[in-house]
């Protein structure tokens, strides 16, 4: 049974954590899958079809686990990438939201209010 967990880390540590999650996949990708494929071919060549079926089922389980981890990493990385874009863009978005003419007009109104309150 798969469960979701959550915990917090520092934003700057996220690439390291993503790398760790990907590194955990290497043994499965490099040896487990290759071994499963060899076992499937061997059992099939030996006409041992029940073992072939069992090996295919096992490989599918491994692939589903890998797919799930890749999906997790993909979503984490997508969120991280979006956060990086959002962090780099606020200044330009503020400038677009408040054109200089509007800022100038508001400053003039504030000055007028200050003058009236000092009278």
Protein backbone atom coordinates (compact mmCIF):
# COMPACT_ATOMS: atom_id res chain seq x y z
CA UNK A 1 0.00 0.00 0.00
CA UNK A 2 1.30 3.43 -0.90
CA UNK A 3 0.89 6.42 1.38
CA UNK A 4 1.72 10.08 0.98
CA UNK A 5 3.89 11.83 3.54
CA UNK A 6 4.82 15.45 3.84
CA UNK A 7 7.45 17.40 5.67
CA UNK A 8 9.18 20.70 5.18
CA UNK A 9 12.72 21.52 4.15
CA UNK A 10 14.47 24.75 3.26
CA UNK A 11 13.71 25.96 -0.26
CA UNK A 12 17.40 25.95 -1.20
CA UNK A 13 17.70 22.28 -0.15
CA UNK A 14 15.02 21.14 -2.59
CA UNK A 15 17.35 20.38 -5.53
CA UNK A 16 19.43 18.15 -3.23
CA UNK A 17 16.31 16.31 -2.07
CA UNK A 18 15.12 15.87 -5.67
CA UNK A 19 18.54 14.45 -6.60
CA UNK A 20 18.30 12.01 -3.68
CA UNK A 21 14.87 10.84 -4.86
CA UNK A 22 16.20 10.29 -8.37
CA UNK A 23 19.30 8.51 -7.06
CA UNK A 24 17.06 6.03 -5.24
CA UNK A 25 15.72 4.99 -8.65
CA UNK A 26 19.10 4.15 -10.17
CA UNK A 27 19.40 0.59 -8.79
CA UNK A 28 15.87 -0.23 -9.89
CA UNK A 29 16.48 1.13 -13.35
CA UNK A 30 19.95 -0.30 -13.81
CA UNK A 31 19.69 -3.78 -12.34
CA UNK A 32 16.22 -4.73 -11.11
CA UNK A 33 14.51 -4.11 -14.44
CA UNK A 34 17.28 -5.75 -16.44
CA UNK A 35 17.22 -8.78 -14.14
CA UNK A 36 13.43 -9.01 -14.44
CA UNK A 37 13.56 -8.84 -18.22
CA UNK A 38 16.20 -11.59 -18.30
CA UNK A 39 14.08 -13.74 -15.96
CA UNK A 40 11.04 -13.25 -18.20
CA UNK A 41 12.96 -14.25 -21.33
CA UNK A 42 14.57 -17.21 -19.58
CA UNK A 43 11.29 -18.55 -18.21
CA UNK A 44 9.58 -18.04 -21.56
CA UNK A 45 12.40 -19.80 -23.47
CA UNK A 46 12.10 -22.69 -20.99
CA UNK A 47 8.36 -22.78 -21.77
CA UNK A 48 7.67 -22.16 -18.11
CA UNK A 49 4.75 -19.85 -18.75
CA UNK A 50 3.49 -19.63 -15.17
CA UNK A 51 6.88 -18.31 -14.05
CA UNK A 52 6.88 -15.99 -17.06
CA UNK A 53 3.53 -14.59 -15.94
CA UNK A 54 4.80 -14.16 -12.37
CA UNK A 55 7.95 -12.40 -13.59
CA UNK A 56 5.92 -10.09 -15.81
CA UNK A 57 3.66 -9.24 -12.87
CA UNK A 58 6.72 -8.51 -10.74
CA UNK A 59 8.22 -6.30 -13.45
CA UNK A 60 4.95 -4.41 -13.79
CA UNK A 61 4.92 -3.80 -10.03
CA UNK A 62 8.49 -2.47 -10.21
CA UNK A 63 7.60 -0.25 -13.17
CA UNK A 64 4.55 1.08 -11.34
CA UNK A 65 6.73 1.93 -8.33
CA UNK A 66 9.24 3.68 -10.57
CA UNK A 67 6.47 5.53 -12.38
CA UNK A 68 5.00 6.68 -9.09
CA UNK A 69 8.37 8.00 -7.89
CA UNK A 70 8.99 9.75 -11.22
CA UNK A 71 5.54 11.32 -10.97
CA UNK A 72 6.34 12.57 -7.45
CA UNK A 73 9.66 14.02 -8.59
CA UNK A 74 8.08 15.60 -11.65
CA UNK A 75 5.44 17.39 -9.56
CA UNK A 76 7.98 18.53 -6.96
CA UNK A 77 10.29 19.80 -9.68
CA UNK A 78 7.42 21.56 -11.47
CA UNK A 79 6.50 23.36 -8.26
CA UNK A 80 10.12 24.28 -7.62
CA UNK A 81 10.54 25.62 -11.16
CA UNK A 82 7.35 27.69 -10.85
CA UNK A 83 8.51 29.08 -7.50
CA UNK A 84 11.84 30.11 -9.05
CA UNK A 85 10.02 31.95 -11.82
CA UNK A 86 7.67 33.59 -9.33
CA UNK A 87 10.58 34.68 -7.14
CA UNK A 88 12.41 36.25 -10.06
CA UNK A 89 9.40 38.12 -11.44
CA UNK A 90 7.81 40.18 -8.61
CA UNK A 91 9.61 43.48 -9.35
CA UNK A 92 8.58 43.53 -12.99
CA UNK A 93 4.99 42.54 -12.13
CA UNK A 94 4.72 45.39 -9.59
CA UNK A 95 5.92 47.87 -12.17
CA UNK A 96 3.27 46.67 -14.60
CA UNK A 97 0.57 46.76 -11.92
CA UNK A 98 1.34 50.37 -10.94
CA UNK A 99 2.26 52.58 -13.88
CA UNK A 100 4.42 55.63 -13.08
CA UNK A 101 1.57 58.02 -13.88
CA UNK A 102 -0.62 56.40 -11.26
CA UNK A 103 2.15 56.42 -8.67
CA UNK A 104 2.77 60.10 -9.38
CA UNK A 105 -0.93 60.94 -9.04
CA UNK A 106 -1.20 59.08 -5.73
CA UNK A 107 1.91 60.82 -4.42
CA UNK A 108 0.42 64.21 -5.35
CA UNK A 109 -2.83 63.37 -3.57
CA UNK A 110 -0.88 62.30 -0.48
CA UNK A 111 1.02 65.57 -0.53
CA UNK A 112 -2.24 67.53 -0.74
CA UNK A 113 -3.68 65.55 2.20
CA UNK A 114 -0.57 66.19 4.27
CA UNK A 115 -0.78 69.93 3.54
CA UNK A 116 -4.44 70.03 4.56
CA UNK A 117 -3.76 68.12 7.78
CA UNK A 118 -0.91 70.55 8.70
CA UNK A 119 -3.13 73.65 8.30
